[in-house]
Amino acid sequence: MLMTKFYVTTSIPYVNADPHIGFAMELIYADVLARTARARGDEVIFSTGTDEHGGKIAEKARENNVDVKTYVDNVSSHFRELTKALAISNNRFIRTTDTGHEQRAALIWKNLKKDIYKSKYQGWYCTGDEAFFTETEVKANNGVCPAHNRPYEKIEEENYFFKLSAYNEQIRQAIESDGFRIVPETRKNEILSTLEQGLEDISISRPKDKIGWGIPVPGDKSQVMYVWFEALMNYITVLGYPEHDDFKQYWPADVQVIGKDILRFHAAIWPAMLLSLDLPLPKLLYVHGFVTADGKKMSKSLGNVIDPFAVVKEYGVDAFRYYMLRHIPSYDDGDFNWQHLNDAYNAELANELGNLVQRSIAMTIRYVDGKLSDVPPAQHDISAYNAALTECKFDRALDAVWDQIRGLNQYIDEEKPWEVAKTTDRDHLKEILAYLISSINEIADLLMPFLPASASKIKQSLNGETVTAIEGTLFPKRED
């Protein structure tokens, strides 16, 4: 039987700062999709990585008094460490400074040549954003970039341009026909509104004497590729575009996971590049929101930046994954709050899930020595769970699992196995325990993509004909 291929990517974050909680969430989202695909038997490539070129990176390296390669090596390693800390199952990690990426980016540029031309460009530029801004935007902000508190620079230079405008209609049709699906609907409508106004051609290079840290433009050493343009190429360079089997078998991507701030790059510029290369568009673009801290935007000046490593250290990886997946809305912005996390941990993980599993196992061991033969597989309706995952509604998928968990806790309270154990009705007792163990086994399967460590522990204790105790406590209760 032919194996189904599944390819999922995250965006690749810029290495001008250490990993933040928003990108940690993005990694977790993509990981759930990758683990779900593997569980159904797909062959999966799951790629993440780091974006490492551009003037802002060179500037950061100077601020830190290190050469730029040392700087990017160091910060990129922190992102790699984050994948391990969060139990992310990616099997690719691409860096845009990898030799393979740089070589293939040059090849992509050559293959886009029919849509690339040279022209003079005049505009307002912010190094902090690595982007140009319109006269209207600059006036609205009184000449100062609000994100970086620095004046825009007036730049006039000769650059290469990409004919983005030529693909406006094709992209619009692909999105409207769901040939290129975008969820949630609000993001789909947002990009359709942009396309209605019409896309303009974009500058895709900078003079090397202005920005030296970048991939040279093929055939013109005086120019380097614009960082945002070149970074988008990673999704196919990591597969070995154009000749490798991975590229031939895995492209188009099944799901690309990104934040809403880079929607235009991934829903307009990237599709146009693919169309120019005569390549199919990704099947699904999932666009998540932002995470605030206690209702405020995170910033170093406010001192409210949440370090994902610190959360994992304090609560464990599965508790962090659970909170981000269930208590941050999958289709909207969400808020991280330490007290809310603690409450969810105690009420939902320790009490509802942990208590259910451990008392069910304890009763099975106590009343029937852990031996239950011919336990029928659970037959619960999991269509809501599957439908939610198909639409990247991770919070709804976990809601469906928790409906089962709460239902099972209620079943225990109603059936009272401890009372039945005092009677001579052993068959009914075994029936109750078998139903419990079978249902918990199913719950562990459903939780495996979300809480891999805890789900594995549960499965291990139910493995074979004898139910065994879980070592330690799944989620030890915490003080408020």
Protein backbone atom coordinates (compact mmCIF):
# COMPACT_ATOMS: atom_id res chain seq x y z
CA MET A 1 0.00 0.00 0.00
CA LEU A 2 1.30 3.44 -0.92
CA MET A 3 2.08 5.62 2.10
CA THR A 4 0.50 9.08 2.20
CA LYS A 5 2.96 11.95 2.43
CA PHE A 6 2.37 14.85 4.79
CA TYR A 7 4.43 18.04 4.85
CA VAL A 8 3.97 20.70 7.55
CA THR A 9 6.04 23.83 8.18
CA THR A 10 6.26 26.65 10.66
CA SER A 11 7.47 30.08 9.66
CA ILE A 12 11.17 30.58 10.29
CA PRO A 13 11.69 33.24 12.97
CA TYR A 14 14.22 36.01 12.61
CA VAL A 15 17.26 35.57 14.87
CA ASN A 16 17.33 39.16 16.12
CA ALA A 17 16.03 37.96 19.51
CA ASP A 18 15.64 34.80 21.56
CA PRO A 19 12.53 32.62 21.10
CA HIS A 20 9.29 34.04 22.52
CA ILE A 21 6.07 32.38 23.62
CA GLY A 22 4.24 33.17 20.36
CA PHE A 23 6.68 31.11 18.33
CA ALA A 24 6.64 28.37 20.98
CA MET A 25 2.87 28.19 20.36
CA GLU A 26 3.42 27.97 16.60
CA LEU A 27 5.84 25.07 17.05
CA ILE A 28 3.32 23.24 19.24
CA TYR A 29 0.52 23.75 16.70
CA ALA A 30 2.61 22.31 13.86
CA ASP A 31 3.77 19.48 16.12
CA VAL A 32 0.17 18.40 16.84
CA LEU A 33 -0.49 18.26 13.08
CA ALA A 34 2.70 16.25 12.44
CA ARG A 35 1.99 13.77 15.26
CA THR A 36 -1.63 13.37 14.13
CA ALA A 37 -0.47 12.59 10.59
CA ARG A 38 2.06 10.02 11.84
CA ALA A 39 -0.61 8.38 14.02
CA ARG A 40 -2.76 7.77 10.94
CA GLY A 41 0.23 6.20 9.16
CA ASP A 42 1.48 9.09 6.99
CA GLU A 43 5.13 9.64 6.17
CA VAL A 44 5.80 13.09 7.58
CA ILE A 45 8.28 15.88 6.98
CA PHE A 46 7.96 18.58 9.60
CA SER A 47 10.23 21.55 9.04
CA THR A 48 11.10 24.57 11.14
CA GLY A 49 14.27 26.67 11.36
CA THR A 50 15.69 30.17 11.51
CA ASP A 51 15.88 33.22 9.22
CA GLU A 52 19.39 34.66 9.50
CA HIS A 53 20.22 37.29 6.86
CA GLY A 54 19.66 41.04 6.57
CA GLY A 55 20.77 44.40 7.93
CA LYS A 56 18.99 44.00 11.25
CA ILE A 57 21.02 40.86 12.01
CA ALA A 58 24.30 42.57 11.12
CA GLU A 59 23.27 45.48 13.37
CA LYS A 60 22.47 43.11 16.27
CA ALA A 61 25.83 41.38 15.90
CA ARG A 62 27.59 44.78 16.09
CA GLU A 63 25.58 45.66 19.22
CA ASN A 64 26.76 42.39 20.79
CA ASN A 65 30.38 42.95 19.65
CA VAL A 66 30.59 39.62 17.82
CA ASP A 67 30.99 38.74 14.17
CA VAL A 68 27.69 38.10 12.46
CA LYS A 69 28.15 34.33 11.89
CA THR A 70 28.95 33.78 15.58
CA TYR A 71 25.86 35.79 16.48
CA VAL A 72 23.46 33.82 14.24
CA ASP A 73 24.98 30.48 15.28
CA ASN A 74 24.33 31.34 18.91
CA VAL A 75 20.74 32.59 18.58
CA SER A 76 19.76 29.83 16.13
CA SER A 77 20.93 27.24 18.67
CA HIS A 78 18.40 28.67 21.18
CA PHE A 79 15.58 27.95 18.72
CA ARG A 80 16.87 24.42 18.24
CA GLU A 81 16.95 24.01 22.04
CA LEU A 82 13.34 25.22 22.20
CA THR A 83 12.20 22.41 19.88
CA LYS A 84 13.72 19.91 22.31
CA ALA A 85 12.29 21.63 25.42
CA LEU A 86 8.77 21.54 23.92
CA ALA A 87 9.02 17.90 22.68
CA ILE A 88 8.64 19.10 19.09
CA SER A 89 8.93 16.22 16.60
CA ASN A 90 10.36 18.15 13.64
CA ASN A 91 12.70 16.13 11.44
CA ARG A 92 14.09 19.15 9.56
CA PHE A 93 15.66 22.33 10.91
CA ILE A 94 16.70 24.75 8.18
CA ARG A 95 18.93 27.76 8.59
CA THR A 96 19.01 30.31 5.78
CA THR A 97 22.80 30.44 6.22
CA ASP A 98 23.03 26.73 5.32
CA THR A 99 25.09 26.26 2.17
CA GLY A 100 22.32 24.16 0.61
CA HIS A 101 19.72 26.89 1.15
CA GLU A 102 21.99 29.60 -0.26
CA GLN A 103 22.77 27.54 -3.38
CA ARG A 104 19.13 26.65 -3.98
CA ALA A 105 17.96 30.22 -3.33
CA ALA A 106 20.24 31.33 -6.17
CA LEU A 107 18.72 28.64 -8.38
CA ILE A 108 15.18 29.78 -7.50
CA TRP A 109 16.13 33.37 -8.35
CA LYS A 110 17.31 32.24 -11.79
CA ASN A 111 14.08 30.28 -12.31
CA LEU A 112 12.04 33.40 -11.41
CA LYS A 113 14.00 35.48 -13.91
CA LYS A 114 11.06 36.03 -16.29
CA ASP A 115 9.33 37.99 -13.51
CA ILE A 116 12.37 39.93 -12.24
CA TYR A 117 13.47 43.30 -13.56
CA LYS A 118 15.75 46.14 -12.41
CA SER A 119 14.43 49.58 -11.58
CA LYS A 120 15.11 52.67 -9.47
CA TYR A 121 13.36 52.68 -6.12
CA GLN A 122 12.61 55.56 -3.81
CA GLY A 123 10.99 55.03 -0.45
CA TRP A 124 11.08 55.13 3.33
CA TYR A 125 12.95 52.26 4.97
CA CYS A 126 13.22 50.91 8.53
CA THR A 127 16.11 48.56 9.28
CA GLY A 128 14.22 47.25 12.32
CA ASP A 129 11.46 45.94 10.04
CA GLU A 130 13.74 45.19 7.06
CA ALA A 131 10.93 46.81 5.06
CA PHE A 132 9.92 49.85 3.03
CA PHE A 133 6.90 51.99 3.98
CA THR A 134 4.58 54.21 1.97
CA GLU A 135 4.48 57.99 2.24
CA THR A 136 1.02 57.66 3.87
CA GLU A 137 2.31 55.27 6.57
CA VAL A 138 5.33 57.47 7.30
CA LYS A 139 3.18 60.61 7.63
CA ALA A 140 0.70 58.80 9.89
CA ASN A 141 3.60 57.91 12.22
CA ASN A 142 5.19 61.40 12.05
CA GLY A 143 8.29 60.02 10.35
CA VAL A 144 9.17 57.64 13.20
CA CYS A 145 8.70 53.86 13.14
CA PRO A 146 6.42 53.08 16.11
CA ALA A 147 7.73 49.53 16.49
CA HIS A 148 11.38 50.55 16.74
CA ASN A 149 11.25 54.22 17.80
CA ARG A 150 13.65 55.31 15.09
CA PRO A 151 13.19 57.69 12.13
CA TYR A 152 12.46 56.13 8.74
CA GLU A 153 15.35 56.52 6.26
CA LYS A 154 14.65 58.09 2.85
CA ILE A 155 16.31 55.76 0.38
CA GLU A 156 16.78 56.03 -3.36
CA GLU A 157 18.53 53.10 -4.99
CA GLU A 158 18.49 50.74 -7.94
CA ASN A 159 17.02 47.37 -6.99
CA TYR A 160 15.59 44.26 -8.56
CA PHE A 161 11.80 43.97 -8.58
CA PHE A 162 9.45 41.00 -8.74
CA LYS A 163 6.27 41.23 -10.85
CA LEU A 164 3.92 40.51 -7.96
CA SER A 165 1.11 42.43 -9.72
CA ALA A 166 1.05 39.83 -12.52
CA TYR A 167 -0.27 37.15 -10.15
CA ASN A 168 -3.00 39.11 -8.36
CA GLU A 169 -5.89 37.45 -10.17
CA GLN A 170 -4.52 33.90 -10.07
CA ILE A 171 -3.95 34.12 -6.31
CA ARG A 172 -7.42 35.57 -5.74
CA GLN A 173 -9.04 32.74 -7.72
CA ALA A 174 -7.00 30.08 -5.88
CA ILE A 175 -8.07 31.47 -2.49
CA GLU A 176 -11.73 31.94 -3.41
CA SER A 177 -11.98 28.42 -4.88
CA ASP A 178 -10.22 26.93 -1.81
CA GLY A 179 -7.49 25.56 -4.07
CA PHE A 180 -5.32 27.46 -1.60
CA ARG A 181 -7.24 27.34 1.68
CA ILE A 182 -6.68 29.93 4.38
CA VAL A 183 -8.05 29.53 7.91
CA PRO A 184 -9.53 31.19 9.85
CA GLU A 185 -12.01 32.91 7.53
CA THR A 186 -11.10 36.35 8.93
CA ARG A 187 -7.55 35.97 7.54
CA LYS A 188 -8.87 34.72 4.22
CA ASN A 189 -11.08 37.81 3.97
CA GLU A 190 -8.20 40.06 4.99
CA ILE A 191 -5.95 38.90 2.16
CA LEU A 192 -8.84 38.95 -0.35
CA SER A 193 -9.38 42.59 0.61
CA THR A 194 -5.68 43.29 -0.11
CA LEU A 195 -5.98 41.53 -3.48
CA GLU A 196 -9.06 43.60 -4.33
CA GLN A 197 -6.97 46.75 -4.00
CA GLY A 198 -4.38 45.13 -6.30
CA LEU A 199 -0.86 43.96 -5.58
CA GLU A 200 2.08 46.12 -6.59
CA ASP A 201 5.47 44.89 -7.75
CA ILE A 202 7.93 44.55 -4.89
CA SER A 203 11.60 45.35 -4.41
CA ILE A 204 13.47 42.08 -3.83
CA SER A 205 17.10 43.18 -3.49
CA ARG A 206 19.29 45.72 -1.70
CA PRO A 207 22.72 47.11 -2.68
CA LYS A 208 25.54 45.07 -1.15
CA ASP A 209 27.26 48.25 0.05
CA LYS A 210 24.16 48.99 2.17
CA ILE A 211 23.48 45.43 3.39
CA GLY A 212 26.41 43.07 3.10
CA TRP A 213 24.91 40.19 5.10
CA GLY A 214 22.76 38.37 2.55
CA ILE A 215 22.75 35.99 -0.41
CA PRO A 216 24.27 37.60 -3.52
CA VAL A 217 21.96 38.08 -6.52
CA PRO A 218 23.07 35.63 -9.24
CA GLY A 219 24.99 37.50 -11.94
CA ASP A 220 25.12 40.77 -9.97
CA LYS A 221 27.48 40.84 -7.01
CA SER A 222 26.56 44.45 -6.27
CA GLN A 223 23.14 43.32 -4.94
CA VAL A 224 21.94 40.90 -2.26
CA MET A 225 18.52 39.25 -2.08
CA TYR A 226 16.00 41.01 0.12
CA VAL A 227 15.79 38.94 3.31
CA TRP A 228 12.01 38.43 3.38
CA PHE A 229 11.97 37.30 -0.25
CA GLU A 230 14.83 34.86 0.21
CA ALA A 231 13.54 33.47 3.53
CA LEU A 232 10.26 32.35 1.92
CA MET A 233 12.24 30.02 -0.31
CA ASN A 234 13.17 27.83 2.68
CA TYR A 235 9.95 25.84 2.37
CA ILE A 236 11.16 24.25 -0.86
CA THR A 237 14.96 24.52 -0.41
CA VAL A 238 14.62 22.30 2.69
CA LEU A 239 13.07 19.63 0.44
CA GLY A 240 15.91 19.88 -2.08
CA TYR A 241 14.19 21.92 -4.82
CA PRO A 242 14.18 21.18 -7.70
CA GLU A 243 15.71 17.73 -8.13
CA HIS A 244 15.46 15.80 -4.85
CA ASP A 245 12.86 13.08 -4.32
CA ASP A 246 11.65 14.79 -1.13
CA PHE A 247 10.67 17.86 -3.13
CA LYS A 248 8.96 15.78 -5.83
CA GLN A 249 7.05 13.70 -3.30
CA TYR A 250 6.19 16.20 -0.53
CA TRP A 251 5.44 19.49 -2.29
CA PRO A 252 2.86 21.07 -2.10
CA ALA A 253 2.86 21.51 1.69
CA ASP A 254 -0.21 20.09 3.41
CA VAL A 255 -0.22 22.81 6.07
CA GLN A 256 1.89 25.92 6.58
CA VAL A 257 1.55 27.44 10.06
CA ILE A 258 2.24 31.18 10.43
CA GLY A 259 1.42 34.21 12.60
CA LYS A 260 -1.03 36.86 11.40
CA ASP A 261 1.69 39.54 11.12
CA ILE A 262 3.26 37.76 8.13
CA LEU A 263 0.02 36.94 6.30
CA ARG A 264 0.81 39.08 3.23
CA PHE A 265 4.17 37.41 2.72
CA HIS A 266 2.65 33.93 2.85
CA ALA A 267 -0.73 34.54 1.19
CA ALA A 268 0.39 36.92 -1.60
CA ILE A 269 4.17 37.03 -2.18
CA TRP A 270 4.91 33.32 -1.58
CA PRO A 271 2.02 32.08 -3.80
CA ALA A 272 3.14 34.47 -6.56
CA MET A 273 6.68 33.06 -6.37
CA LEU A 274 5.32 29.51 -6.60
CA LEU A 275 3.10 30.39 -9.57
CA SER A 276 6.09 32.00 -11.28
CA LEU A 277 7.99 28.72 -10.74
CA ASP A 278 5.01 26.74 -12.12
CA LEU A 279 4.58 25.01 -8.76
CA PRO A 280 1.33 24.18 -6.93
CA LEU A 281 0.29 26.32 -3.97
CA PRO A 282 0.18 24.95 -0.40
CA LYS A 283 -3.04 23.12 0.44
CA LEU A 284 -3.71 24.99 3.69
CA LEU A 285 -2.36 28.11 5.34
CA TYR A 286 -3.22 28.25 9.04
CA VAL A 287 -2.84 31.72 10.52
CA HIS A 288 -2.73 32.04 14.31
CA GLY A 289 -3.06 35.13 16.48
CA PHE A 290 -0.83 36.85 19.02
CA VAL A 291 -0.26 36.09 22.68
CA THR A 292 -0.40 38.86 25.27
CA ALA A 293 0.70 38.64 28.93
CA ASP A 294 -1.91 39.61 31.53
CA GLY A 295 -3.82 41.48 28.84
CA LYS A 296 -0.84 43.59 27.71
CA LYS A 297 1.44 43.32 24.70
CA MET A 298 4.73 41.77 25.78
CA SER A 299 7.72 44.09 25.88
CA LYS A 300 11.07 44.20 27.61
CA SER A 301 10.33 47.68 28.93
CA LEU A 302 7.18 46.41 30.70
CA GLY A 303 9.11 43.40 31.96
CA ASN A 304 6.27 41.07 31.00
CA VAL A 305 7.98 38.92 28.36
CA ILE A 306 7.13 35.26 28.97
CA ASP A 307 10.08 32.92 28.50
CA PRO A 308 8.80 29.55 27.22
CA PHE A 309 11.79 27.77 28.79
CA ALA A 310 10.80 29.17 32.20
CA VAL A 311 7.20 27.93 31.86
CA VAL A 312 8.36 24.42 30.94
CA LYS A 313 10.80 24.40 33.86
CA GLU A 314 8.04 25.43 36.29
CA TYR A 315 5.10 23.35 35.03
CA GLY A 316 6.50 20.68 32.71
CA VAL A 317 6.26 20.43 28.96
CA ASP A 318 2.82 18.79 28.71
CA ALA A 319 1.17 21.35 30.99
CA PHE A 320 2.61 24.18 28.88
CA ARG A 321 1.52 22.49 25.65
CA TYR A 322 -1.96 21.94 27.11
CA TYR A 323 -2.39 25.56 28.18
CA MET A 324 -1.25 26.96 24.82
CA LEU A 325 -3.42 24.52 22.87
CA ARG A 326 -6.62 24.78 24.89
CA HIS A 327 -6.60 28.14 26.66
CA ILE A 328 -5.21 30.30 23.84
CA PRO A 329 -7.92 30.50 21.13
CA SER A 330 -6.77 28.73 17.96
CA TYR A 331 -8.47 31.31 15.73
CA ASP A 332 -7.86 34.50 17.69
CA ASP A 333 -5.45 36.37 19.96
CA GLY A 334 -5.05 34.94 23.45
CA ASP A 335 -3.62 35.87 26.82
CA PHE A 336 -1.03 34.10 28.95
CA ASN A 337 -1.62 34.42 32.68
CA TRP A 338 0.37 32.51 35.31
CA GLN A 339 -2.61 32.20 37.69
CA HIS A 340 -4.86 30.98 34.88
CA LEU A 341 -2.22 28.39 33.95
CA ASN A 342 -2.00 27.24 37.57
CA ASP A 343 -5.80 26.98 37.84
CA ALA A 344 -6.07 25.01 34.58
CA TYR A 345 -3.24 22.73 35.70
CA ASN A 346 -4.92 21.88 39.04
CA ALA A 347 -8.55 21.69 37.90
CA GLU A 348 -8.18 20.09 34.48
CA LEU A 349 -4.88 18.22 34.34
CA ALA A 350 -4.37 17.15 37.96
CA ASN A 351 -8.00 16.72 39.02
CA GLU A 352 -9.99 15.76 35.93
CA LEU A 353 -7.44 13.86 33.81
CA GLY A 354 -4.82 12.76 36.34
CA ASN A 355 -7.33 11.72 38.99
CA LEU A 356 -9.48 9.84 36.46
CA VAL A 357 -6.53 7.83 35.14
CA GLN A 358 -4.96 7.07 38.48
CA ARG A 359 -8.08 6.04 40.36
CA SER A 360 -9.26 3.87 37.42
CA ILE A 361 -5.91 2.08 37.31
CA ALA A 362 -5.77 1.80 41.12
CA MET A 363 -9.27 0.22 41.27
CA THR A 364 -8.42 -2.23 38.48
CA ILE A 365 -5.27 -3.33 40.32
CA ARG A 366 -7.04 -3.49 43.69
CA TYR A 367 -10.20 -5.33 42.64
CA VAL A 368 -9.01 -7.67 39.84
CA ASP A 369 -5.20 -7.65 40.27
CA GLY A 370 -4.96 -5.51 37.15
CA LYS A 371 -6.14 -8.38 34.96
CA LEU A 372 -8.84 -7.68 32.40
CA SER A 373 -9.11 -10.06 29.48
CA ASP A 374 -10.85 -9.23 26.20
CA VAL A 375 -11.26 -5.49 26.82
CA PRO A 376 -13.31 -4.22 23.88
CA PRO A 377 -11.98 -1.09 22.13
CA ALA A 378 -13.88 2.09 22.98
CA GLN A 379 -16.54 3.13 20.48
CA HIS A 380 -17.00 6.83 21.23
CA ASP A 381 -17.88 9.28 18.49
CA ILE A 382 -14.68 11.23 17.77
CA SER A 383 -15.94 13.01 14.64
CA ALA A 384 -15.96 16.43 16.41
CA TYR A 385 -12.32 15.88 17.44
CA ASN A 386 -11.27 14.90 13.90
CA ALA A 387 -13.20 17.76 12.31
CA ALA A 388 -11.60 20.27 14.68
CA LEU A 389 -8.09 19.03 13.86
CA THR A 390 -8.77 19.22 10.12
CA GLU A 391 -9.55 22.93 10.58
CA CYS A 392 -6.64 23.53 13.03
CA LYS A 393 -9.08 24.21 15.87
CA PHE A 394 -6.82 22.73 18.53
CA ASP A 395 -8.82 24.22 21.39
CA ARG A 396 -12.03 22.60 20.09
CA ALA A 397 -10.30 19.23 19.64
CA LEU A 398 -9.22 19.30 23.29
CA ASP A 399 -12.72 20.39 24.32
CA ALA A 400 -14.00 17.18 22.68
CA VAL A 401 -11.47 15.07 24.61
CA TRP A 402 -12.37 16.80 27.88
CA ASP A 403 -16.05 16.05 27.26
CA GLN A 404 -15.05 12.37 27.33
CA ILE A 405 -12.88 12.83 30.44
CA ARG A 406 -15.68 14.55 32.35
CA GLY A 407 -18.20 11.98 31.15
CA LEU A 408 -15.98 9.18 32.42
CA ASN A 409 -15.54 10.84 35.82
CA GLN A 410 -19.32 11.11 36.02
CA TYR A 411 -19.65 7.43 35.05
CA ILE A 412 -17.40 6.44 37.98
CA ASP A 413 -19.43 8.55 40.41
CA GLU A 414 -22.69 6.98 39.17
CA GLU A 415 -21.51 3.34 38.96
CA LYS A 416 -19.49 3.44 42.22
CA PRO A 417 -17.15 0.49 41.50
CA TRP A 418 -16.07 0.48 45.16
CA GLU A 419 -19.66 -0.36 46.13
CA VAL A 420 -20.02 -3.03 43.40
CA ALA A 421 -16.75 -4.60 44.68
CA LYS A 422 -18.49 -5.32 47.99
CA THR A 423 -21.14 -7.44 46.22
CA THR A 424 -20.84 -10.84 44.55
CA ASP A 425 -21.50 -9.40 41.08
CA ARG A 426 -17.95 -9.81 39.74
CA ASP A 427 -19.06 -9.72 36.12
CA HIS A 428 -20.60 -6.27 36.51
CA LEU A 429 -17.49 -5.04 38.31
CA LYS A 430 -15.26 -6.32 35.49
CA GLU A 431 -17.60 -4.73 32.96
CA ILE A 432 -17.28 -1.31 34.66
CA LEU A 433 -13.48 -1.57 34.94
CA ALA A 434 -13.12 -2.80 31.35
CA TYR A 435 -15.16 0.15 30.11
CA LEU A 436 -13.02 2.56 32.15
CA ILE A 437 -9.71 1.12 30.94
CA SER A 438 -10.89 0.92 27.34
CA SER A 439 -12.11 4.55 27.42
CA ILE A 440 -8.88 5.80 29.05
CA ASN A 441 -6.89 3.98 26.39
CA GLU A 442 -8.86 5.85 23.73
CA ILE A 443 -8.38 9.16 25.56
CA ALA A 444 -4.62 8.52 25.65
CA ASP A 445 -4.64 7.98 21.86
CA LEU A 446 -6.55 11.24 21.35
CA LEU A 447 -4.16 13.13 23.66
CA MET A 448 -0.98 11.68 22.11
CA PRO A 449 -0.44 14.55 19.62
CA PHE A 450 -1.17 17.14 22.34
CA LEU A 451 0.43 15.72 25.51
CA PRO A 452 2.88 13.10 24.18
CA ALA A 453 4.73 12.39 27.44
CA SER A 454 1.59 11.95 29.58
CA ALA A 455 -0.27 9.98 26.91
CA SER A 456 2.72 7.63 26.54
CA LYS A 457 2.80 7.06 30.31
CA ILE A 458 -0.90 6.15 30.29
CA LYS A 459 -0.51 3.82 27.30
CA GLN A 460 2.45 2.12 28.93
CA SER A 461 0.46 1.29 32.08
CA LEU A 462 -2.35 -0.22 29.95
CA ASN A 463 -0.01 -2.20 27.70
CA GLY A 464 -0.57 -5.95 27.60
CA GLU A 465 -3.13 -8.01 29.52
CA THR A 466 -2.24 -6.60 32.94
CA VAL A 467 -2.88 -3.00 33.96
CA THR A 468 0.09 -1.62 35.93
CA ALA A 469 0.44 1.46 38.11
CA ILE A 470 1.85 4.67 36.65
CA GLU A 471 5.11 5.57 38.30
CA GLY A 472 4.69 8.78 40.28
CA THR A 473 1.77 11.12 39.64
CA LEU A 474 0.76 12.29 36.17
CA PHE A 475 0.15 15.86 37.28
CA PRO A 476 1.00 16.41 40.98
CA LYS A 477 -1.36 19.00 42.49
CA ARG A 478 0.20 22.45 42.88
CA GLU A 479 -0.28 25.11 45.52
CA ASP A 480 -2.32 28.13 44.37
